[in-house]
Amino acid sequence: TQLETISFELVFVGGLIALTAGSSMLITGKMSDRSLIRRPFIIIGLICLAILIILLKYYESIEIPVFEGLYSIWPVVAILSFGFGSFPPAILAYLTDISKKDTRGTMFGVYSVIFGTGMIIGPFLGVAFTEFGILIGAEIWGIVLAVIFLVVIAIIGTVFLSERAQEDEAISSDNSLTND
């Protein structure tokens, strides 16, 4: 039946997102640790998540014959999910980089509160922006504008972050040179 097909498609795509994002977290986390760079991974993750949200919300209204059902967009979903997977390890590593050992628990607690608050407020903002889009006669632009607005704010904030791990590495290597 139609419902079983839709349910299986959702399970398939959900599993694909979990598998590719999880794989990405392992791979990009290692890359971020080796390079001591966090910002590009954070920004790529945010951009991929934004595109993925918009794609999953509006894939049915895309006027391209190839896009018929969730199965048809699985390669794009896999790529975007892999990109999104670079965000969690990079942001957590960055928090570790900038926190002192004795305040690390508080730092992660604050991050968790902010993240959890976003999980609660996000759907409300999505509905509000969608209703605004319907009100102005452009439903699709409601959620798109919300996602773009929030991601742009996050990216602007990320651009101003220092690569603390690189700075600390440079300082420690300078100290080891002077101590030798």
Protein backbone atom coordinates (compact mmCIF):
# COMPACT_ATOMS: atom_id res chain seq x y z
CA THR A 1 0.00 0.00 0.00
CA GLN A 2 0.92 3.65 -0.28
CA LEU A 3 1.43 4.04 3.48
CA GLU A 4 3.80 1.05 3.67
CA THR A 5 5.85 2.43 0.78
CA ILE A 6 6.13 5.86 2.39
CA SER A 7 7.01 4.30 5.76
CA PHE A 8 9.75 2.16 4.23
CA GLU A 9 11.12 5.15 2.32
CA LEU A 10 11.30 7.13 5.56
CA VAL A 11 13.07 4.27 7.35
CA PHE A 12 15.46 3.87 4.42
CA VAL A 13 16.32 7.57 4.25
CA GLY A 14 16.50 7.88 8.05
CA GLY A 15 18.88 4.92 8.19
CA LEU A 16 20.92 6.36 5.35
CA ILE A 17 21.25 9.68 7.18
CA ALA A 18 22.29 7.92 10.40
CA LEU A 19 24.80 5.68 8.62
CA THR A 20 26.46 8.37 6.51
CA ALA A 21 26.46 11.04 9.23
CA GLY A 22 27.84 8.52 11.74
CA SER A 23 30.58 7.45 9.33
CA SER A 24 31.38 11.07 8.65
CA MET A 25 31.69 11.83 12.35
CA LEU A 26 34.40 9.19 12.66
CA ILE A 27 36.28 10.28 9.54
CA THR A 28 35.99 14.07 9.82
CA GLY A 29 36.57 13.97 13.58
CA LYS A 30 39.93 12.32 12.93
CA MET A 31 40.70 14.82 10.14
CA SER A 32 39.81 17.75 12.40
CA ASP A 33 41.99 16.40 15.20
CA ARG A 34 44.97 15.80 12.93
CA SER A 35 44.76 19.23 11.28
CA LEU A 36 43.75 21.05 14.50
CA ILE A 37 41.21 22.95 12.40
CA ARG A 38 37.57 23.17 13.45
CA ARG A 39 35.85 26.05 11.61
CA PRO A 40 35.67 24.58 8.09
CA PHE A 41 34.15 21.37 9.47
CA ILE A 42 31.58 23.35 11.47
CA ILE A 43 30.63 25.54 8.49
CA ILE A 44 30.41 22.63 6.03
CA GLY A 45 28.24 20.72 8.51
CA LEU A 46 25.87 23.66 8.96
CA ILE A 47 25.52 24.29 5.22
CA CYS A 48 24.90 20.60 4.47
CA LEU A 49 22.33 20.37 7.27
CA ALA A 50 20.49 23.43 5.93
CA ILE A 51 20.36 22.03 2.40
CA LEU A 52 19.31 18.61 3.72
CA ILE A 53 16.45 20.10 5.77
CA ILE A 54 15.18 22.08 2.79
CA LEU A 55 15.53 19.11 0.44
CA LEU A 56 13.66 16.73 2.74
CA LYS A 57 10.92 19.27 3.34
CA TYR A 58 10.33 20.10 -0.32
CA TYR A 59 11.61 17.15 -2.39
CA GLU A 60 8.06 16.39 -3.55
CA SER A 61 7.55 19.88 -4.96
CA ILE A 62 10.73 19.81 -7.05
CA GLU A 63 9.62 19.93 -10.68
CA ILE A 64 12.29 17.55 -12.00
CA PRO A 65 11.06 14.17 -13.29
CA VAL A 66 14.01 12.34 -11.70
CA PHE A 67 12.83 13.29 -8.19
CA GLU A 68 9.97 10.89 -7.62
CA GLY A 69 9.90 9.62 -4.06
CA LEU A 70 12.54 9.60 -1.39
CA TYR A 71 14.44 6.80 -3.12
CA SER A 72 15.28 9.08 -6.00
CA ILE A 73 17.18 11.54 -3.82
CA TRP A 74 19.21 9.03 -1.80
CA PRO A 75 22.61 9.91 -3.35
CA VAL A 76 22.10 13.60 -2.52
CA VAL A 77 20.87 12.70 0.97
CA ALA A 78 23.97 10.54 1.53
CA ILE A 79 26.35 13.30 0.42
CA LEU A 80 24.62 15.98 2.48
CA SER A 81 24.43 13.68 5.52
CA PHE A 82 28.13 12.96 5.24
CA GLY A 83 28.79 16.70 5.14
CA PHE A 84 26.46 17.30 8.09
CA GLY A 85 28.35 14.65 10.07
CA SER A 86 31.39 16.91 10.18
CA PHE A 87 29.63 19.32 12.55
CA PRO A 88 29.24 17.40 15.85
CA PRO A 89 32.85 16.25 16.34
CA ALA A 90 34.23 19.64 15.28
CA ILE A 91 32.01 21.67 17.61
CA LEU A 92 32.65 19.35 20.55
CA ALA A 93 36.40 19.39 19.88
CA TYR A 94 36.27 23.19 19.69
CA LEU A 95 34.53 23.35 23.06
CA THR A 96 37.24 21.12 24.47
CA ASP A 97 39.91 23.36 22.92
CA ILE A 98 38.58 26.55 24.48
CA SER A 99 37.63 25.22 27.90
CA LYS A 100 39.88 24.66 30.87
CA LYS A 101 39.89 21.21 32.39
CA ASP A 102 38.16 22.34 35.59
CA THR A 103 35.30 24.11 33.73
CA ARG A 104 34.79 21.59 30.92
CA GLY A 105 31.68 20.04 32.50
CA THR A 106 30.05 23.45 32.80
CA MET A 107 30.98 24.27 29.19
CA PHE A 108 29.37 21.09 27.89
CA GLY A 109 26.37 21.64 30.15
CA VAL A 110 25.81 25.10 28.67
CA TYR A 111 26.24 23.69 25.16
CA SER A 112 23.67 20.97 25.93
CA VAL A 113 21.17 23.51 27.27
CA ILE A 114 21.58 25.68 24.17
CA PHE A 115 21.34 22.66 21.86
CA GLY A 116 18.25 21.35 23.69
CA THR A 117 16.62 24.77 23.61
CA GLY A 118 17.21 24.90 19.87
CA MET A 119 15.54 21.50 19.51
CA ILE A 120 12.47 22.93 21.25
CA ILE A 121 12.39 26.38 19.65
CA GLY A 122 13.37 25.18 16.15
CA PRO A 123 10.08 23.49 15.27
CA PHE A 124 8.12 26.50 16.54
CA LEU A 125 10.22 28.81 14.38
CA GLY A 126 9.73 26.44 11.45
CA VAL A 127 5.96 26.57 11.84
CA ALA A 128 5.99 30.35 12.32
CA PHE A 129 8.09 30.93 9.20
CA THR A 130 5.98 28.46 7.20
CA GLU A 131 2.80 30.26 8.28
CA PHE A 132 4.43 33.54 7.32
CA GLY A 133 5.25 32.06 3.92
CA ILE A 134 1.64 30.95 3.47
CA LEU A 135 0.46 34.40 4.54
CA ILE A 136 2.54 36.11 1.84
CA GLY A 137 1.61 33.47 -0.74
CA ALA A 138 4.98 31.74 -0.89
CA GLU A 139 4.80 28.75 1.47
CA ILE A 140 8.08 27.25 0.30
CA TRP A 141 10.00 30.40 1.21
CA GLY A 142 8.83 30.36 4.82
CA ILE A 143 10.92 27.45 6.06
CA VAL A 144 13.68 28.13 3.54
CA LEU A 145 14.10 31.64 4.92
CA ALA A 146 14.10 30.31 8.50
CA VAL A 147 16.79 27.74 7.74
CA ILE A 148 18.91 30.20 5.75
CA PHE A 149 18.54 32.89 8.44
CA LEU A 150 19.58 30.59 11.28
CA VAL A 151 22.46 28.99 9.37
CA VAL A 152 23.81 32.37 8.24
CA ILE A 153 23.80 33.59 11.85
CA ALA A 154 25.63 30.42 12.95
CA ILE A 155 28.17 30.70 10.12
CA ILE A 156 28.86 34.36 10.86
CA GLY A 157 29.45 33.43 14.49
CA THR A 158 31.72 30.56 13.45
CA VAL A 159 33.83 32.78 11.19
CA PHE A 160 34.83 34.84 14.22
CA LEU A 161 35.95 31.81 16.25
CA SER A 162 39.69 31.46 16.64
CA GLU A 163 41.32 28.15 15.83
CA ARG A 164 42.36 27.72 19.46
CA ALA A 165 43.88 24.30 18.91
CA GLN A 166 46.33 25.69 16.35
CA GLU A 167 47.23 28.61 18.61
CA ASP A 168 47.84 26.29 21.57
CA GLU A 169 49.91 23.94 19.42
CA ALA A 170 52.04 26.86 18.18
CA ILE A 171 52.54 28.14 21.75
CA SER A 172 53.49 24.70 23.07
CA SER A 173 55.95 24.12 20.21
CA ASP A 174 57.48 27.57 20.85
CA ASN A 175 57.80 26.74 24.55
CA SER A 176 59.45 23.41 23.80
CA LEU A 177 61.96 25.15 21.52
CA THR A 178 62.90 27.67 24.21
CA ASN A 179 63.13 24.97 26.89
CA ASP A 180 65.53 22.81 24.84
